[in-house]
Amino acid sequence: MDAQTTTPHRAVIEHLVRKAVYAKLGKPAPKTVAAPNPLLVNISARHCHLSPEAVEALFGKGHELTPMKWLYQDGQYAAKETVTLVGPRKRVIGNLRILGPCRPLNQVELAYTDAISLGFEIPLRPSGDIDGTPGCMLMGPNGFFEMEQGVIRALRHVHMHPEDAEFYSVKHKDYMKLKIGGPCGISLDEMLVRVDESFKLEVHIDTDEGNACDLKPNTLCELVK
């Protein structure tokens, strides 16, 4: 695909180095170090997932999304394409990034701060659970696409491979806590566990949550059952 599939992520390298250091010292490693895989906590900024039909309506017949940046989860990417979201009070958010590849359903994920500025009342939902949610209008270079539903605040969640789930003694759709250190350290409860063979260990929180704890790349984080 590209270098993203062959070059280890910085978090993976750091995790392996820490393991090696503790092993050489003959000391028991802390739980975060002893885990089979590194824990990566990322802020998921507002974005949308679109169906092929929506992409064609917004960008023209036959248009396909163009990868701009590959994400940590294999096969997922931030596309070069963006859209403008028109809220119920005619307020807009421009340059709303599309994440690929295309999905069967259309979904917009916002933080509560985004929703307030647009005039939305959005529910907190797991990704894909869009029944009864508000819709919106999207605008692209080729036209408009009206979503009848699908605007949510995504429930904070952690992606896990089955070996991670075994290590943390959890299963798919369980809930955990995330402890975030630093000067603005907080504990985030109700962290949805999503388990799949294709997943790497990664937590997704939104911009409101990330800003509240001043999350940095080197902030110490810990998953707790």
Protein backbone atom coordinates (compact mmCIF):
# COMPACT_ATOMS: atom_id res chain seq x y z
CA MET A 1 0.00 0.00 0.00
CA ASP A 2 2.70 2.49 1.12
CA ALA A 3 5.36 2.96 3.79
CA GLN A 4 2.64 3.01 6.45
CA THR A 5 2.27 -0.76 6.13
CA THR A 6 5.99 -1.53 6.55
CA THR A 7 7.40 1.17 8.87
CA PRO A 8 6.55 0.59 12.56
CA HIS A 9 4.67 3.39 14.27
CA ARG A 10 6.68 5.39 16.82
CA ALA A 11 4.48 4.03 19.62
CA VAL A 12 5.36 0.46 18.63
CA ILE A 13 9.10 1.18 18.67
CA GLU A 14 8.92 2.92 22.05
CA HIS A 15 6.92 0.03 23.51
CA LEU A 16 9.48 -2.53 22.35
CA VAL A 17 12.35 -0.45 23.73
CA ARG A 18 10.68 -0.14 27.15
CA LYS A 19 10.08 -3.89 27.25
CA ALA A 20 13.72 -4.57 26.39
CA VAL A 21 14.98 -2.17 29.07
CA TYR A 22 12.92 -3.77 31.84
CA ALA A 23 13.93 -7.26 30.68
CA LYS A 24 17.63 -6.30 30.75
CA LEU A 25 17.28 -4.82 34.24
CA GLY A 26 15.50 -7.96 35.40
CA LYS A 27 12.65 -5.91 36.80
CA PRO A 28 8.92 -6.57 36.41
CA ALA A 29 7.47 -4.24 33.82
CA PRO A 30 4.48 -2.02 34.66
CA LYS A 31 1.19 -3.15 33.19
CA THR A 32 1.33 -0.60 30.38
CA VAL A 33 4.76 -1.89 29.36
CA ALA A 34 3.97 -5.58 29.90
CA ALA A 35 0.97 -5.38 27.53
CA PRO A 36 1.46 -7.30 24.25
CA ASN A 37 0.91 -4.16 22.18
CA PRO A 38 1.42 -0.41 22.75
CA LEU A 39 -1.56 1.71 23.75
CA LEU A 40 -2.09 4.62 21.40
CA VAL A 41 -4.58 7.36 22.38
CA ASN A 42 -5.64 9.59 19.51
CA ILE A 43 -7.96 12.56 19.25
CA SER A 44 -10.53 12.00 16.53
CA ALA A 45 -11.40 15.43 15.13
CA ARG A 46 -14.76 16.03 13.42
CA HIS A 47 -15.09 14.04 10.20
CA CYS A 48 -17.53 12.08 8.08
CA HIS A 49 -17.88 8.63 6.56
CA LEU A 50 -19.69 8.49 3.22
CA SER A 51 -21.21 5.92 0.90
CA PRO A 52 -20.11 5.69 -2.75
CA GLU A 53 -23.44 7.26 -3.76
CA ALA A 54 -22.83 10.28 -1.53
CA VAL A 55 -19.29 10.72 -2.87
CA GLU A 56 -20.59 10.72 -6.45
CA ALA A 57 -23.32 13.24 -5.62
CA LEU A 58 -20.78 15.57 -4.01
CA PHE A 59 -17.80 15.13 -6.35
CA GLY A 60 -19.20 13.80 -9.62
CA LYS A 61 -20.11 10.47 -11.19
CA GLY A 62 -17.38 7.85 -10.91
CA HIS A 63 -15.36 9.85 -8.38
CA GLU A 64 -13.36 7.81 -5.85
CA LEU A 65 -11.78 9.05 -2.64
CA THR A 66 -8.06 9.83 -2.77
CA PRO A 67 -5.96 8.81 0.27
CA MET A 68 -4.07 11.75 1.78
CA LYS A 69 -2.86 10.23 5.06
CA TRP A 70 -2.99 6.62 6.23
CA LEU A 71 -4.36 6.16 9.74
CA TYR A 72 -3.17 3.80 12.48
CA GLN A 73 -5.86 1.20 11.76
CA ASP A 74 -4.87 -0.78 8.67
CA GLY A 75 -6.69 0.25 5.49
CA GLN A 76 -8.17 3.43 6.98
CA TYR A 77 -7.20 6.85 5.70
CA ALA A 78 -7.96 10.55 5.74
CA ALA A 79 -8.99 11.49 2.21
CA LYS A 80 -7.89 14.57 0.31
CA GLU A 81 -11.55 15.36 -0.24
CA THR A 82 -13.47 17.57 2.18
CA VAL A 83 -17.07 18.83 2.27
CA THR A 84 -18.98 21.70 3.82
CA LEU A 85 -21.58 20.83 6.45
CA VAL A 86 -24.66 23.04 6.61
CA GLY A 87 -26.38 23.02 10.00
CA PRO A 88 -30.05 23.60 10.86
CA ARG A 89 -29.49 27.34 11.43
CA LYS A 90 -27.68 27.70 8.09
CA ARG A 91 -24.40 27.84 9.98
CA VAL A 92 -21.61 25.91 8.31
CA ILE A 93 -18.40 24.02 8.99
CA GLY A 94 -16.05 23.99 6.04
CA ASN A 95 -13.31 21.52 5.19
CA LEU A 96 -14.98 18.61 6.96
CA ARG A 97 -12.59 15.74 6.28
CA ILE A 98 -13.85 12.51 4.75
CA LEU A 99 -12.36 9.29 6.12
CA GLY A 100 -12.07 6.36 3.75
CA PRO A 101 -12.70 3.89 2.44
CA CYS A 102 -16.40 4.37 1.67
CA ARG A 103 -18.97 2.73 3.95
CA PRO A 104 -22.52 1.48 3.40
CA LEU A 105 -23.94 4.31 5.52
CA ASN A 106 -23.35 8.05 5.86
CA GLN A 107 -22.25 9.37 9.23
CA VAL A 108 -20.93 12.69 10.55
CA GLU A 109 -19.03 12.70 13.85
CA LEU A 110 -18.86 15.98 15.78
CA ALA A 111 -17.84 17.07 19.26
CA TYR A 112 -20.53 18.75 21.36
CA THR A 113 -18.78 22.10 20.89
CA ASP A 114 -19.14 21.69 17.12
CA ALA A 115 -22.80 20.79 17.47
CA ILE A 116 -23.59 23.79 19.66
CA SER A 117 -22.03 26.20 17.17
CA LEU A 118 -24.08 24.63 14.35
CA GLY A 119 -27.35 24.54 16.28
CA PHE A 120 -27.50 20.75 16.56
CA GLU A 121 -28.69 18.60 19.42
CA ILE A 122 -26.80 15.39 18.76
CA PRO A 123 -26.89 12.10 20.64
CA LEU A 124 -23.93 10.17 22.01
CA ARG A 125 -23.79 6.96 19.98
CA PRO A 126 -21.43 4.13 19.04
CA SER A 127 -20.29 4.47 15.44
CA GLY A 128 -22.86 2.98 13.07
CA ASP A 129 -25.81 3.40 15.46
CA ILE A 130 -27.57 6.23 13.63
CA ASP A 131 -31.28 5.34 13.85
CA GLY A 132 -33.26 8.37 15.02
CA THR A 133 -30.31 10.77 14.83
CA PRO A 134 -30.51 14.21 13.17
CA GLY A 135 -29.49 14.73 9.56
CA CYS A 136 -27.74 17.53 7.74
CA MET A 137 -26.85 18.90 4.32
CA LEU A 138 -23.39 18.34 2.84
CA MET A 139 -22.02 20.49 0.04
CA GLY A 140 -19.26 19.50 -2.36
CA PRO A 141 -17.81 20.86 -5.61
CA ASN A 142 -20.35 18.94 -7.69
CA GLY A 143 -23.50 19.55 -5.65
CA PHE A 144 -25.38 18.80 -2.45
CA PHE A 145 -26.15 15.60 -0.56
CA GLU A 146 -28.86 15.53 2.08
CA MET A 147 -28.40 13.14 4.99
CA GLU A 148 -31.74 12.30 6.61
CA GLN A 149 -29.91 11.00 9.69
CA GLY A 150 -26.39 10.19 10.83
CA VAL A 151 -25.03 13.16 12.82
CA ILE A 152 -23.65 11.93 16.17
CA ARG A 153 -21.10 12.47 18.86
CA ALA A 154 -19.13 9.23 18.73
CA LEU A 155 -18.92 7.35 22.02
CA ARG A 156 -15.31 7.17 23.21
CA HIS A 157 -13.97 3.73 22.38
CA VAL A 158 -10.92 1.50 22.20
CA HIS A 159 -10.04 -0.74 19.26
CA MET A 160 -8.54 -4.07 20.36
CA HIS A 161 -7.09 -7.19 18.80
CA PRO A 162 -8.29 -10.38 20.56
CA GLU A 163 -4.87 -10.78 22.25
CA ASP A 164 -5.29 -7.30 23.76
CA ALA A 165 -8.79 -8.19 24.96
CA GLU A 166 -7.38 -11.33 26.60
CA PHE A 167 -4.64 -9.34 28.33
CA TYR A 168 -7.11 -6.78 29.70
CA SER A 169 -9.73 -9.48 30.49
CA VAL A 170 -12.48 -7.82 28.47
CA LYS A 171 -14.68 -8.77 25.54
CA HIS A 172 -16.36 -7.00 22.63
CA LYS A 173 -18.85 -4.33 23.79
CA ASP A 174 -17.55 -4.26 27.36
CA TYR A 175 -16.65 -0.92 28.95
CA MET A 176 -13.37 0.24 30.45
CA LYS A 177 -11.84 3.40 31.95
CA LEU A 178 -9.00 5.43 30.52
CA LYS A 179 -6.70 7.16 32.99
CA ILE A 180 -4.89 10.11 31.44
CA GLY A 181 -1.93 11.61 33.30
CA GLY A 182 -0.28 15.01 33.19
CA PRO A 183 -1.12 18.36 34.80
CA CYS A 184 -4.71 18.14 33.51
CA GLY A 185 -5.04 14.43 34.21
CA ILE A 186 -8.53 12.94 34.18
CA SER A 187 -10.28 9.57 34.11
CA LEU A 188 -12.69 8.87 31.26
CA ASP A 189 -15.36 6.29 32.09
CA GLU A 190 -17.65 4.35 29.74
CA MET A 191 -14.94 3.57 27.19
CA LEU A 192 -16.55 1.15 24.73
CA VAL A 193 -14.44 -1.89 23.84
CA ARG A 194 -14.44 -2.96 20.19
CA VAL A 195 -12.65 -6.23 19.42
CA ASP A 196 -11.70 -7.49 15.98
CA GLU A 197 -8.87 -9.51 14.42
CA SER A 198 -8.05 -6.53 12.16
CA PHE A 199 -7.72 -3.97 14.98
CA LYS A 200 -4.63 -2.44 16.59
CA LEU A 201 -4.80 -1.22 20.18
CA GLU A 202 -5.99 2.37 19.88
CA VAL A 203 -8.29 4.68 21.84
CA HIS A 204 -10.34 7.35 20.09
CA ILE A 205 -11.55 10.39 22.01
CA ASP A 206 -12.94 13.58 20.50
CA THR A 207 -11.54 17.12 20.53
CA ASP A 208 -13.55 18.22 23.56
CA GLU A 209 -12.16 15.31 25.59
CA GLY A 210 -8.64 15.77 24.27
CA ASN A 211 -8.61 19.49 25.01
CA ALA A 212 -10.00 18.94 28.53
CA CYS A 213 -6.94 16.87 29.51
CA ASP A 214 -4.40 18.66 27.25
CA LEU A 215 -3.50 15.34 25.65
CA LYS A 216 0.02 15.26 24.18
CA PRO A 217 1.85 12.49 22.26
CA ASN A 218 3.93 11.74 25.39
CA THR A 219 1.05 11.88 27.92
CA LEU A 220 0.94 8.70 29.99
CA CYS A 221 -2.35 6.81 29.59
CA GLU A 222 -3.63 3.58 31.10
CA LEU A 223 -6.62 1.36 30.39
CA VAL A 224 -8.41 0.05 33.47
CA LYS A 225 -11.16 -2.56 33.50
